[in-house]
N, C-alpha and C. Protein backbone atom coordinates (compact mmCIF):
# COMPACT_ATOMS: atom_id res chain seq x y z
N MET A 1 -11.72 -2.81 -17.82
CA MET A 1 -12.00 -3.82 -16.81
C MET A 1 -13.18 -3.34 -15.97
N GLU A 2 -14.12 -4.23 -15.72
CA GLU A 2 -15.28 -3.92 -14.91
C GLU A 2 -14.88 -3.78 -13.44
N ALA A 3 -15.65 -2.97 -12.70
CA ALA A 3 -15.34 -2.72 -11.28
C ALA A 3 -15.28 -4.02 -10.48
N GLU A 4 -16.20 -4.93 -10.74
CA GLU A 4 -16.21 -6.20 -10.00
C GLU A 4 -14.93 -7.01 -10.29
N ASP A 5 -14.42 -6.93 -11.52
CA ASP A 5 -13.17 -7.61 -11.86
C ASP A 5 -12.00 -7.00 -11.09
N VAL A 6 -12.02 -5.67 -10.93
CA VAL A 6 -10.96 -4.99 -10.17
C VAL A 6 -10.96 -5.48 -8.73
N VAL A 7 -12.16 -5.60 -8.13
CA VAL A 7 -12.27 -6.08 -6.75
C VAL A 7 -11.75 -7.52 -6.66
N SER A 8 -12.14 -8.37 -7.59
CA SER A 8 -11.69 -9.77 -7.59
C SER A 8 -10.17 -9.86 -7.72
N GLU A 9 -9.61 -9.05 -8.61
CA GLU A 9 -8.15 -9.05 -8.80
C GLU A 9 -7.44 -8.57 -7.53
N PHE A 10 -7.97 -7.53 -6.90
CA PHE A 10 -7.39 -7.03 -5.65
C PHE A 10 -7.41 -8.12 -4.58
N ASN A 11 -8.56 -8.80 -4.44
CA ASN A 11 -8.68 -9.87 -3.44
C ASN A 11 -7.67 -10.99 -3.71
N SER A 12 -7.52 -11.36 -4.96
CA SER A 12 -6.56 -12.41 -5.31
C SER A 12 -5.13 -11.97 -5.02
N ARG A 13 -4.81 -10.76 -5.40
CA ARG A 13 -3.45 -10.24 -5.23
C ARG A 13 -3.03 -10.21 -3.77
N PHE A 14 -3.97 -9.85 -2.89
CA PHE A 14 -3.64 -9.70 -1.47
C PHE A 14 -4.10 -10.88 -0.62
N GLY A 15 -4.54 -11.96 -1.26
CA GLY A 15 -4.90 -13.17 -0.53
C GLY A 15 -6.13 -13.04 0.34
N ILE A 16 -7.06 -12.19 -0.07
CA ILE A 16 -8.30 -12.00 0.69
C ILE A 16 -9.25 -13.15 0.35
N LEU A 17 -9.45 -14.04 1.31
CA LEU A 17 -10.24 -15.24 1.09
C LEU A 17 -11.66 -15.13 1.63
N TRP A 18 -11.91 -14.12 2.47
CA TRP A 18 -13.22 -13.97 3.07
C TRP A 18 -14.15 -13.25 2.10
N PRO A 19 -15.46 -13.35 2.33
CA PRO A 19 -16.41 -12.69 1.43
C PRO A 19 -16.22 -11.17 1.41
N THR A 20 -16.28 -10.62 0.23
CA THR A 20 -16.22 -9.18 0.05
C THR A 20 -17.60 -8.73 -0.41
N LEU A 21 -18.17 -7.81 0.32
CA LEU A 21 -19.50 -7.34 -0.05
C LEU A 21 -19.38 -6.38 -1.22
N TYR A 22 -19.99 -6.75 -2.33
CA TYR A 22 -19.89 -5.95 -3.53
C TYR A 22 -21.21 -6.03 -4.28
N ASN A 23 -21.66 -4.91 -4.76
CA ASN A 23 -22.85 -4.86 -5.59
C ASN A 23 -24.09 -5.39 -4.85
N LEU A 24 -24.27 -4.93 -3.62
CA LEU A 24 -25.40 -5.36 -2.81
C LEU A 24 -26.63 -4.50 -3.07
N GLU A 25 -27.78 -5.05 -2.78
CA GLU A 25 -29.02 -4.28 -2.82
C GLU A 25 -28.99 -3.24 -1.71
N LEU A 26 -29.66 -2.12 -1.93
CA LEU A 26 -29.68 -1.03 -0.95
C LEU A 26 -30.24 -1.49 0.39
N ASP A 27 -31.27 -2.34 0.39
CA ASP A 27 -31.85 -2.84 1.64
C ASP A 27 -30.81 -3.61 2.46
N THR A 28 -29.99 -4.42 1.78
CA THR A 28 -28.95 -5.18 2.47
C THR A 28 -27.91 -4.24 3.06
N MET A 29 -27.51 -3.24 2.28
CA MET A 29 -26.52 -2.28 2.78
C MET A 29 -27.07 -1.50 3.97
N ASN A 30 -28.36 -1.14 3.92
CA ASN A 30 -28.98 -0.46 5.06
C ASN A 30 -28.95 -1.33 6.30
N SER A 31 -29.25 -2.63 6.13
CA SER A 31 -29.28 -3.53 7.29
C SER A 31 -27.90 -3.69 7.91
N LEU A 32 -26.84 -3.52 7.11
CA LEU A 32 -25.47 -3.62 7.61
C LEU A 32 -24.96 -2.30 8.16
N GLY A 33 -25.71 -1.24 7.96
CA GLY A 33 -25.32 0.07 8.47
C GLY A 33 -24.19 0.72 7.70
N VAL A 34 -24.04 0.40 6.41
CA VAL A 34 -22.94 0.96 5.63
C VAL A 34 -23.39 2.05 4.66
N VAL A 35 -24.60 2.54 4.84
CA VAL A 35 -25.13 3.56 3.94
C VAL A 35 -25.40 4.84 4.72
N ASP A 36 -24.99 5.95 4.15
CA ASP A 36 -25.32 7.26 4.68
C ASP A 36 -26.36 7.86 3.75
N PRO A 37 -27.65 7.74 4.11
CA PRO A 37 -28.71 8.17 3.19
C PRO A 37 -28.64 9.65 2.84
N ASP A 38 -28.00 10.46 3.67
CA ASP A 38 -27.88 11.89 3.37
C ASP A 38 -26.92 12.17 2.23
N SER A 39 -26.09 11.19 1.90
CA SER A 39 -25.07 11.41 0.87
C SER A 39 -25.30 10.61 -0.40
N LEU A 40 -26.35 9.79 -0.44
CA LEU A 40 -26.57 8.94 -1.62
C LEU A 40 -26.80 9.74 -2.88
N ASP A 41 -27.45 10.89 -2.77
CA ASP A 41 -27.76 11.66 -3.97
C ASP A 41 -26.52 12.24 -4.64
N VAL A 42 -25.42 12.33 -3.96
CA VAL A 42 -24.18 12.82 -4.56
C VAL A 42 -23.20 11.69 -4.82
N GLY A 43 -23.65 10.45 -4.66
CA GLY A 43 -22.82 9.29 -4.95
C GLY A 43 -21.77 8.99 -3.91
N MET A 44 -21.92 9.51 -2.72
CA MET A 44 -20.92 9.31 -1.67
C MET A 44 -21.50 8.58 -0.47
N GLY A 45 -22.61 7.92 -0.61
CA GLY A 45 -23.32 7.38 0.53
C GLY A 45 -22.85 6.05 1.06
N ILE A 46 -21.94 5.37 0.37
CA ILE A 46 -21.49 4.06 0.83
C ILE A 46 -20.22 4.26 1.64
N LYS A 47 -20.25 3.76 2.88
CA LYS A 47 -19.12 3.91 3.79
C LYS A 47 -18.34 2.61 3.87
N PRO A 48 -17.06 2.60 3.45
CA PRO A 48 -16.27 1.39 3.68
C PRO A 48 -16.28 1.07 5.18
N THR A 49 -16.58 -0.16 5.51
CA THR A 49 -16.78 -0.55 6.90
C THR A 49 -16.00 -1.81 7.20
N ILE A 50 -15.39 -1.85 8.38
CA ILE A 50 -14.67 -3.04 8.83
C ILE A 50 -15.52 -3.75 9.86
N TYR A 51 -15.68 -5.06 9.69
CA TYR A 51 -16.34 -5.91 10.67
C TYR A 51 -15.35 -6.97 11.10
N ILE A 52 -15.30 -7.27 12.40
CA ILE A 52 -14.53 -8.40 12.92
C ILE A 52 -15.55 -9.42 13.41
N LEU A 53 -15.49 -10.63 12.84
CA LEU A 53 -16.42 -11.70 13.19
C LEU A 53 -15.67 -12.82 13.89
N ASP A 54 -16.38 -13.53 14.77
CA ASP A 54 -15.77 -14.72 15.35
C ASP A 54 -16.03 -15.90 14.42
N SER A 55 -15.57 -17.08 14.80
CA SER A 55 -15.68 -18.25 13.92
C SER A 55 -17.12 -18.67 13.66
N SER A 56 -18.05 -18.22 14.50
CA SER A 56 -19.46 -18.57 14.27
C SER A 56 -20.18 -17.51 13.42
N GLY A 57 -19.47 -16.44 13.05
CA GLY A 57 -20.07 -15.39 12.25
C GLY A 57 -20.66 -14.24 13.05
N LYS A 58 -20.52 -14.28 14.37
CA LYS A 58 -21.03 -13.20 15.22
C LYS A 58 -20.12 -11.97 15.09
N VAL A 59 -20.73 -10.80 14.90
CA VAL A 59 -19.95 -9.57 14.81
C VAL A 59 -19.44 -9.20 16.19
N LEU A 60 -18.10 -9.15 16.32
CA LEU A 60 -17.47 -8.77 17.59
C LEU A 60 -17.23 -7.27 17.66
N TRP A 61 -16.96 -6.66 16.49
CA TRP A 61 -16.62 -5.24 16.46
C TRP A 61 -16.86 -4.71 15.06
N SER A 62 -17.22 -3.45 14.98
CA SER A 62 -17.32 -2.75 13.71
C SER A 62 -16.87 -1.32 13.92
N ASP A 63 -16.25 -0.76 12.89
CA ASP A 63 -15.86 0.65 12.99
C ASP A 63 -16.99 1.55 12.50
N HIS A 64 -18.10 0.97 12.11
CA HIS A 64 -19.29 1.70 11.66
C HIS A 64 -19.00 2.67 10.52
N GLY A 65 -17.95 2.36 9.75
CA GLY A 65 -17.62 3.17 8.60
C GLY A 65 -17.00 4.51 8.91
N TYR A 66 -16.59 4.70 10.15
CA TYR A 66 -16.08 6.01 10.55
C TYR A 66 -14.56 6.07 10.64
N ARG A 67 -13.86 5.01 10.24
CA ARG A 67 -12.42 5.01 10.44
C ARG A 67 -11.71 6.12 9.68
N MET A 68 -12.33 6.61 8.61
CA MET A 68 -11.70 7.68 7.83
C MET A 68 -11.74 9.02 8.57
N THR A 69 -12.57 9.14 9.59
CA THR A 69 -12.70 10.42 10.27
C THR A 69 -12.37 10.34 11.76
N HIS A 70 -11.88 9.19 12.21
CA HIS A 70 -11.53 9.08 13.63
C HIS A 70 -10.43 10.09 13.96
N PRO A 71 -10.65 10.91 14.98
CA PRO A 71 -9.60 11.86 15.33
C PRO A 71 -8.39 11.16 15.94
N ASP A 72 -8.60 10.00 16.54
CA ASP A 72 -7.50 9.28 17.19
C ASP A 72 -7.33 7.92 16.52
N VAL A 73 -6.51 7.89 15.47
CA VAL A 73 -6.31 6.67 14.70
C VAL A 73 -5.69 5.58 15.56
N THR A 74 -4.79 5.92 16.45
CA THR A 74 -4.12 4.94 17.31
C THR A 74 -5.14 4.18 18.15
N SER A 75 -6.10 4.89 18.71
CA SER A 75 -7.14 4.25 19.52
C SER A 75 -7.96 3.28 18.68
N THR A 76 -8.31 3.67 17.47
CA THR A 76 -9.07 2.80 16.58
C THR A 76 -8.27 1.55 16.26
N LEU A 77 -6.99 1.71 15.96
CA LEU A 77 -6.13 0.55 15.67
C LEU A 77 -5.99 -0.36 16.88
N ASP A 78 -5.94 0.22 18.07
CA ASP A 78 -5.88 -0.59 19.30
C ASP A 78 -7.13 -1.45 19.44
N TRP A 79 -8.31 -0.84 19.21
CA TRP A 79 -9.57 -1.59 19.29
C TRP A 79 -9.60 -2.69 18.24
N LEU A 80 -9.17 -2.35 17.04
CA LEU A 80 -9.15 -3.32 15.95
C LEU A 80 -8.27 -4.51 16.30
N GLU A 81 -7.07 -4.23 16.80
CA GLU A 81 -6.15 -5.30 17.19
C GLU A 81 -6.74 -6.18 18.29
N LEU A 82 -7.35 -5.56 19.30
CA LEU A 82 -7.95 -6.30 20.40
C LEU A 82 -9.01 -7.27 19.89
N PHE A 83 -9.90 -6.79 19.04
CA PHE A 83 -10.99 -7.65 18.58
C PHE A 83 -10.54 -8.68 17.55
N ILE A 84 -9.47 -8.40 16.83
CA ILE A 84 -8.90 -9.45 15.98
C ILE A 84 -8.36 -10.57 16.85
N GLU A 85 -7.66 -10.21 17.92
CA GLU A 85 -7.14 -11.23 18.84
C GLU A 85 -8.29 -12.05 19.44
N LEU A 86 -9.37 -11.40 19.83
CA LEU A 86 -10.53 -12.11 20.38
C LEU A 86 -11.14 -13.04 19.34
N ALA A 87 -11.19 -12.59 18.09
CA ALA A 87 -11.78 -13.42 17.03
C ALA A 87 -10.94 -14.65 16.75
N LEU A 88 -9.65 -14.58 17.04
CA LEU A 88 -8.75 -15.71 16.78
C LEU A 88 -8.75 -16.76 17.89
N VAL A 89 -9.38 -16.46 19.01
CA VAL A 89 -9.46 -17.43 20.11
C VAL A 89 -10.39 -18.56 19.67
N PRO A 90 -9.92 -19.80 19.74
CA PRO A 90 -10.77 -20.93 19.34
C PRO A 90 -12.01 -21.02 20.24
N PRO A 91 -13.12 -21.47 19.66
CA PRO A 91 -14.32 -21.62 20.49
C PRO A 91 -14.10 -22.73 21.51
N PRO A 92 -14.77 -22.64 22.66
CA PRO A 92 -14.62 -23.68 23.68
C PRO A 92 -15.12 -25.03 23.17
N VAL A 93 -14.44 -26.06 23.59
CA VAL A 93 -14.82 -27.42 23.20
C VAL A 93 -15.85 -27.92 24.23
N GLU A 94 -16.97 -28.37 23.71
CA GLU A 94 -18.02 -28.89 24.60
C GLU A 94 -17.67 -30.30 25.04
N SER A 95 -17.82 -30.56 26.30
CA SER A 95 -17.53 -31.91 26.80
C SER A 95 -18.73 -32.80 26.52
N PRO A 96 -18.44 -34.09 26.26
CA PRO A 96 -19.53 -35.04 25.92
C PRO A 96 -20.45 -35.32 27.07
């Protein structure tokens, strides 16, 4: 099974309906801040990264790919929960 098929199967199995960034150009990954150029030569330069977006697509929070090394996981989870709650707040309705 190809790697992209594995990702698609994982997304289907767990009901992941949002876009999953896969097989991106290096320039795109650099612009998203998910590449560690010091580690690319050993094949370890891509950092799994969490982004929380609001309904308009604005990034509210990112872990900057560092969640694997956070010394205080509880604090990271607290921030993640807070920004998920903020992302779920409906946008204000504009009056006519």
